[in-house]
C-alpha atoms as a PDB file:
ATOM      1  CA  MET A   1       0.119  -0.150  -0.027  1.00  0.00           C
ATOM      2  CA  TYR A   2       1.211   3.549  -0.844  1.00  0.00           C
ATOM      3  CA  PHE A   3       0.657   6.457   1.302  1.00  0.00           C
ATOM      4  CA  GLN A   4       1.310   9.964   0.456  1.00  0.00           C
ATOM      5  CA  GLY A   5       1.039  13.399   1.875  1.00  0.00           C
ATOM      6  CA  PRO A   6      -2.041  13.979   3.823  1.00  0.00           C
ATOM      7  CA  SER A   7      -3.068  10.333   3.841  1.00  0.00           C
ATOM      8  CA  ILE A   8      -0.011   9.398   6.186  1.00  0.00           C
ATOM      9  CA  GLU A   9      -0.942  11.945   8.668  1.00  0.00           C
ATOM     10  CA  ARG A  10      -4.592  11.265   8.644  1.00  0.00           C
ATOM     11  CA  PHE A  11      -3.577   7.312   9.595  1.00  0.00           C
ATOM     12  CA  LEU A  12      -1.376   8.510  11.912  1.00  0.00           C
ATOM     13  CA  ASP A  13      -3.786  10.813  13.794  1.00  0.00           C
ATOM     14  CA  LEU A  14      -6.107   7.599  13.734  1.00  0.00           C
ATOM     15  CA  MET A  15      -3.610   5.304  15.230  1.00  0.00           C
ATOM     16  CA  HIS A  16      -2.914   7.759  17.892  1.00  0.00           C
ATOM     17  CA  LEU A  17      -6.691   8.243  18.667  1.00  0.00           C
ATOM     18  CA  LYS A  18      -7.012   4.457  18.673  1.00  0.00           C
ATOM     19  CA  TYR A  19      -4.443   4.077  21.159  1.00  0.00           C
ATOM     20  CA  LEU A  20      -5.297   6.993  23.240  1.00  0.00           C
ATOM     21  CA  SER A  21      -9.085   5.211  23.509  1.00  0.00           C
ATOM     22  CA  VAL A  22      -7.580   2.348  24.631  1.00  0.00           C
ATOM     23  CA  VAL A  23      -5.670   4.212  27.325  1.00  0.00           C
ATOM     24  CA  ILE A  24      -8.841   6.093  28.802  1.00  0.00           C
ATOM     25  CA  LEU A  25     -10.658   3.071  29.018  1.00  0.00           C
ATOM     26  CA  LEU A  26      -8.258   1.304  30.781  1.00  0.00           C
ATOM     27  CA  PHE A  27      -7.667   4.051  32.966  1.00  0.00           C
ATOM     28  CA  PHE A  28     -11.792   3.932  34.027  1.00  0.00           C
ATOM     29  CA  LEU A  29     -12.025   0.099  34.121  1.00  0.00           C
ATOM     30  CA  VAL A  30      -8.724  -0.140  36.153  1.00  0.00           C
ATOM     31  CA  PRO A  31      -8.723   2.975  38.336  1.00  0.00           C
ATOM     32  CA  PRO A  32      -5.085   3.541  39.654  1.00  0.00           C
ATOM     33  CA  SER A  33      -4.009   3.754  43.439  1.00  0.00           C
ATOM     34  CA  TYR A  34      -1.766   5.814  44.661  1.00  0.00           C
ATOM     35  CA  GLY A  35       1.353   4.938  46.343  1.00  0.00           C
ATOM     36  CA  ALA A  36       3.060   6.749  49.733  1.00  0.00           C
ATOM     37  CA  GLU A  37       5.482   9.134  47.287  1.00  0.00           C
ATOM     38  CA  GLY A  38       2.590   9.645  45.156  1.00  0.00           C
ATOM     39  CA  GLN A  39       3.841   6.858  42.566  1.00  0.00           C
ATOM     40  CA  VAL A  40       1.114   5.737  40.446  1.00  0.00           C
ATOM     41  CA  THR A  41       0.147   2.073  41.171  1.00  0.00           C
ATOM     42  CA  SER A  42      -2.114  -0.410  39.766  1.00  0.00           C
ATOM     43  CA  LEU A  43      -3.335  -4.123  40.998  1.00  0.00           C
ATOM     44  CA  PRO A  44      -2.101  -7.051  39.258  1.00  0.00           C
ATOM     45  CA  ALA A  45      -4.155  -7.717  36.711  1.00  0.00           C
ATOM     46  CA  ASP A  46      -3.123 -11.875  36.310  1.00  0.00           C
ATOM     47  CA  PRO A  47      -5.222 -13.559  38.473  1.00  0.00           C
ATOM     48  CA  ALA A  48      -2.741 -15.968  39.597  1.00  0.00           C
ATOM     49  CA  VAL A  49      -0.467 -13.291  40.799  1.00  0.00           C
ATOM     50  CA  GLN A  50      -3.203 -11.735  42.140  1.00  0.00           C
ATOM     51  CA  GLU A  51      -3.553 -14.890  44.188  1.00  0.00           C
ATOM     52  CA  PHE A  52       0.253 -15.035  45.234  1.00  0.00           C
ATOM     53  CA  VAL A  53      -0.099 -11.263  46.534  1.00  0.00           C
ATOM     54  CA  ARG A  54      -3.123 -12.374  48.738  1.00  0.00           C
ATOM     55  CA  LEU A  55      -1.322 -15.248  50.332  1.00  0.00           C
ATOM     56  CA  VAL A  56       1.947 -13.328  50.648  1.00  0.00           C
ATOM     57  CA  ASN A  57       0.207 -10.262  52.356  1.00  0.00           C
ATOM     58  CA  ALA A  58      -1.626 -12.429  54.712  1.00  0.00           C
ATOM     59  CA  LYS A  59       1.487 -14.518  55.973  1.00  0.00           C
ATOM     60  CA  ARG A  60       3.182 -11.296  56.416  1.00  0.00           C
ATOM     61  CA  ARG A  61       0.544  -9.989  58.709  1.00  0.00           C
ATOM     62  CA  SER A  62       0.451 -13.496  60.403  1.00  0.00           C
ATOM     63  CA  VAL A  63       3.808 -12.829  61.562  1.00  0.00           C
ATOM     64  CA  GLY A  64       3.674  -8.884  62.237  1.00  0.00           C
ATOM     65  CA  CYS A  65       5.278  -7.436  59.150  1.00  0.00           C
ATOM     66  CA  PRO A  66       3.377  -4.833  57.160  1.00  0.00           C
ATOM     67  CA  GLU A  67       1.721  -5.734  53.822  1.00  0.00           C
ATOM     68  CA  LEU A  68       3.570  -5.118  50.815  1.00  0.00           C
ATOM     69  CA  LYS A  69       2.429  -2.390  48.786  1.00  0.00           C
ATOM     70  CA  TRP A  70       1.999  -2.873  45.102  1.00  0.00           C
ATOM     71  CA  ASP A  71       4.329  -0.908  42.682  1.00  0.00           C
ATOM     72  CA  GLY A  72       3.408  -0.924  39.099  1.00  0.00           C
ATOM     73  CA  ARG A  73       6.764   0.302  38.055  1.00  0.00           C
ATOM     74  CA  VAL A  74       8.765  -2.821  39.710  1.00  0.00           C
ATOM     75  CA  ALA A  75       5.818  -5.192  38.596  1.00  0.00           C
ATOM     76  CA  ALA A  76       6.609  -4.003  34.707  1.00  0.00           C
ATOM     77  CA  ILE A  77      10.182  -4.900  35.698  1.00  0.00           C
ATOM     78  CA  ALA A  78       9.328  -8.149  37.091  1.00  0.00           C
ATOM     79  CA  THR A  79       7.490  -9.013  34.057  1.00  0.00           C
ATOM     80  CA  ALA A  80       9.908  -8.343  31.780  1.00  0.00           C
ATOM     81  CA  ARG A  81      12.084 -10.279  33.647  1.00  0.00           C
ATOM     82  CA  SER A  82      10.340 -13.200  33.190  1.00  0.00           C
ATOM     83  CA  ALA A  83       9.707 -12.631  29.715  1.00  0.00           C
ATOM     84  CA  ASP A  84      13.316 -12.235  29.021  1.00  0.00           C
ATOM     85  CA  MET A  85      14.017 -15.509  30.909  1.00  0.00           C
ATOM     86  CA  VAL A  86      11.580 -17.486  28.453  1.00  0.00           C
ATOM     87  CA  SER A  87      12.485 -15.663  25.316  1.00  0.00           C
ATOM     88  CA  ARG A  88      16.467 -16.370  25.885  1.00  0.00           C
ATOM     89  CA  SER A  89      15.745 -20.012  27.332  1.00  0.00           C
ATOM     90  CA  PHE A  90      17.350 -19.338  30.889  1.00  0.00           C
ATOM     91  CA  PHE A  91      16.617 -19.281  34.674  1.00  0.00           C
ATOM     92  CA  SER A  92      18.882 -17.272  36.607  1.00  0.00           C
ATOM     93  CA  HIS A  93      19.107 -14.068  38.926  1.00  0.00           C
ATOM     94  CA  THR A  94      21.728 -12.836  36.597  1.00  0.00           C
ATOM     95  CA  ASN A  95      20.443 -12.780  32.936  1.00  0.00           C
ATOM     96  CA  PRO A  96      22.808 -13.674  30.119  1.00  0.00           C
ATOM     97  CA  ASP A  97      24.204 -10.082  29.507  1.00  0.00           C
ATOM     98  CA  GLY A  98      25.538 -10.312  33.275  1.00  0.00           C
ATOM     99  CA  LYS A  99      22.926  -8.011  34.685  1.00  0.00           C
ATOM    100  CA  SER A 100      22.164  -8.396  38.340  1.00  0.00           C
ATOM    101  CA  PRO A 101      18.350  -7.701  39.654  1.00  0.00           C
ATOM    102  CA  PHE A 102      20.020  -4.537  41.510  1.00  0.00           C
ATOM    103  CA  GLU A 103      21.169  -3.213  37.793  1.00  0.00           C
ATOM    104  CA  ARG A 104      17.973  -3.861  36.247  1.00  0.00           C
ATOM    105  CA  LEU A 105      16.069  -1.384  39.404  1.00  0.00           C
ATOM    106  CA  GLN A 106      19.127   0.990  38.730  1.00  0.00           C
ATOM    107  CA  GLU A 107      18.513   0.977  35.017  1.00  0.00           C
ATOM    108  CA  SER A 108      14.583   2.037  35.296  1.00  0.00           C
ATOM    109  CA  ASN A 109      15.751   4.701  38.473  1.00  0.00           C
ATOM    110  CA  VAL A 110      13.868   2.890  41.241  1.00  0.00           C
ATOM    111  CA  ALA A 111      15.430   4.129  44.129  1.00  0.00           C
ATOM    112  CA  TYR A 112      15.964   1.595  46.824  1.00  0.00           C
ATOM    113  CA  SER A 113      17.407   1.244  50.402  1.00  0.00           C
ATOM    114  CA  ALA A 114      16.874  -2.548  50.340  1.00  0.00           C
ATOM    115  CA  ALA A 115      16.182  -5.289  47.493  1.00  0.00           C
ATOM    116  CA  ALA A 116      15.315  -8.824  46.798  1.00  0.00           C
ATOM    117  CA  GLU A 117      14.878 -10.790  43.841  1.00  0.00           C
ATOM    118  CA  ASN A 118      12.725 -14.237  43.921  1.00  0.00           C
ATOM    119  CA  ILE A 119      12.368 -16.084  40.842  1.00  0.00           C
ATOM    120  CA  ALA A 120      10.850 -19.562  40.089  1.00  0.00           C
ATOM    121  CA  LEU A 121      10.126 -21.718  37.276  1.00  0.00           C
ATOM    122  CA  GLY A 122       7.217 -24.184  36.860  1.00  0.00           C
ATOM    123  CA  PRO A 123       4.200 -22.729  39.056  1.00  0.00           C
ATOM    124  CA  THR A 124       1.368 -22.168  37.109  1.00  0.00           C
ATOM    125  CA  THR A 125      -0.784 -21.204  40.314  1.00  0.00           C
ATOM    126  CA  GLY A 126      -0.441 -18.076  42.804  1.00  0.00           C
ATOM    127  CA  GLN A 127      -0.596 -20.820  45.082  1.00  0.00           C
ATOM    128  CA  GLU A 128       2.054 -22.940  43.689  1.00  0.00           C
ATOM    129  CA  ALA A 129       4.635 -20.108  43.307  1.00  0.00           C
ATOM    130  CA  TYR A 130       3.722 -19.056  47.424  1.00  0.00           C
ATOM    131  CA  ASP A 131       4.471 -22.459  48.441  1.00  0.00           C
ATOM    132  CA  THR A 132       7.389 -23.155  46.207  1.00  0.00           C
ATOM    133  CA  TRP A 133       9.273 -19.860  47.624  1.00  0.00           C
ATOM    134  CA  MET A 134       7.974 -20.277  50.813  1.00  0.00           C
ATOM    135  CA  ARG A 135       9.852 -23.947  51.050  1.00  0.00           C
ATOM    136  CA  SER A 136      12.908 -22.336  50.049  1.00  0.00           C
ATOM    137  CA  PRO A 137      14.350 -20.625  53.178  1.00  0.00           C
ATOM    138  CA  GLU A 138      15.932 -17.780  51.339  1.00  0.00           C
ATOM    139  CA  HIS A 139      13.133 -17.020  49.262  1.00  0.00           C
ATOM    140  CA  ARG A 140      10.828 -17.306  52.737  1.00  0.00           C
ATOM    141  CA  LYS A 141      13.446 -14.790  54.168  1.00  0.00           C
ATOM    142  CA  ASN A 142      12.545 -12.085  51.196  1.00  0.00           C
ATOM    143  CA  MET A 143       8.956 -12.486  51.294  1.00  0.00           C
ATOM    144  CA  LEU A 144       8.482 -12.062  55.295  1.00  0.00           C
ATOM    145  CA  ASP A 145      11.509  -9.430  56.104  1.00  0.00           C
ATOM    146  CA  CYS A 146       9.989  -6.466  57.141  1.00  0.00           C
ATOM    147  CA  ARG A 147      12.262  -4.458  55.606  1.00  0.00           C
ATOM    148  CA  PHE A 148      10.840  -4.429  52.611  1.00  0.00           C
ATOM    149  CA  THR A 149       7.369  -2.317  52.001  1.00  0.00           C
ATOM    150  CA  ARG A 150       6.975  -2.633  48.175  1.00  0.00           C
ATOM    151  CA  HIS A 151       6.919  -5.166  45.690  1.00  0.00           C
ATOM    152  CA  GLY A 152       5.871  -6.323  42.163  1.00  0.00           C
ATOM    153  CA  VAL A 153       5.663  -9.846  40.328  1.00  0.00           C
ATOM    154  CA  GLY A 154       5.358 -10.886  37.120  1.00  0.00           C
ATOM    155  CA  ARG A 155       4.810 -14.204  35.405  1.00  0.00           C
ATOM    156  CA  VAL A 156       5.241 -15.062  32.007  1.00  0.00           C
ATOM    157  CA  GLY A 157       4.401 -18.807  31.207  1.00  0.00           C
ATOM    158  CA  ASP A 158       5.952 -20.830  33.982  1.00  0.00           C
ATOM    159  CA  ARG A 159       8.887 -17.749  35.103  1.00  0.00           C
ATOM    160  CA  TRP A 160       7.803 -16.161  37.937  1.00  0.00           C
ATOM    161  CA  THR A 161       9.782 -12.942  38.956  1.00  0.00           C
ATOM    162  CA  HIS A 162       9.063 -11.330  42.833  1.00  0.00           C
ATOM    163  CA  VAL A 163      11.042  -8.184  43.483  1.00  0.00           C
ATOM    164  CA  LEU A 164      10.720  -6.522  46.813  1.00  0.00           C
ATOM    165  CA  PHE A 165      12.054  -3.405  48.089  1.00  0.00           C
ATOM    166  CA  ARG A 166      12.032  -0.581  50.398  1.00  0.00           C
ATOM    167  CA  PRO A 167      12.309   2.787  48.736  1.00  0.00           C
END
């Protein structure tokens, strides 16, 4: 197809309106919540991730820790992390380029005073991810560390990433 002059401009205007309409629709369907520093966050859309978040926060409450607040920025980092593990067929805290979880947070301009990353391979439900991490002493320690106040979870296929941090 060949576009010339005003036709391509009109096409781009329509595409812009299409995407803007989707963003506006999503804004009203999934209203944002606001974190302590005014950071716009949203709740997880994936029901398996919602289940995991519910379970980890219930456990944290039972041991006297505050609930982890959902951070949409960090959830996007965690989801990209899980997608990277799937697309490049690896499973490690350090990616094939040698980047650590902490470098990924810094590159995304997430300021933290403490941070941790849990990864899992295999769970298909939030309960399975929760159980997998609770059986691991190091992962359990991360999830029940009262220093952490925020988190984000990403799941792509059977790869899970849970990033916890304190601003």
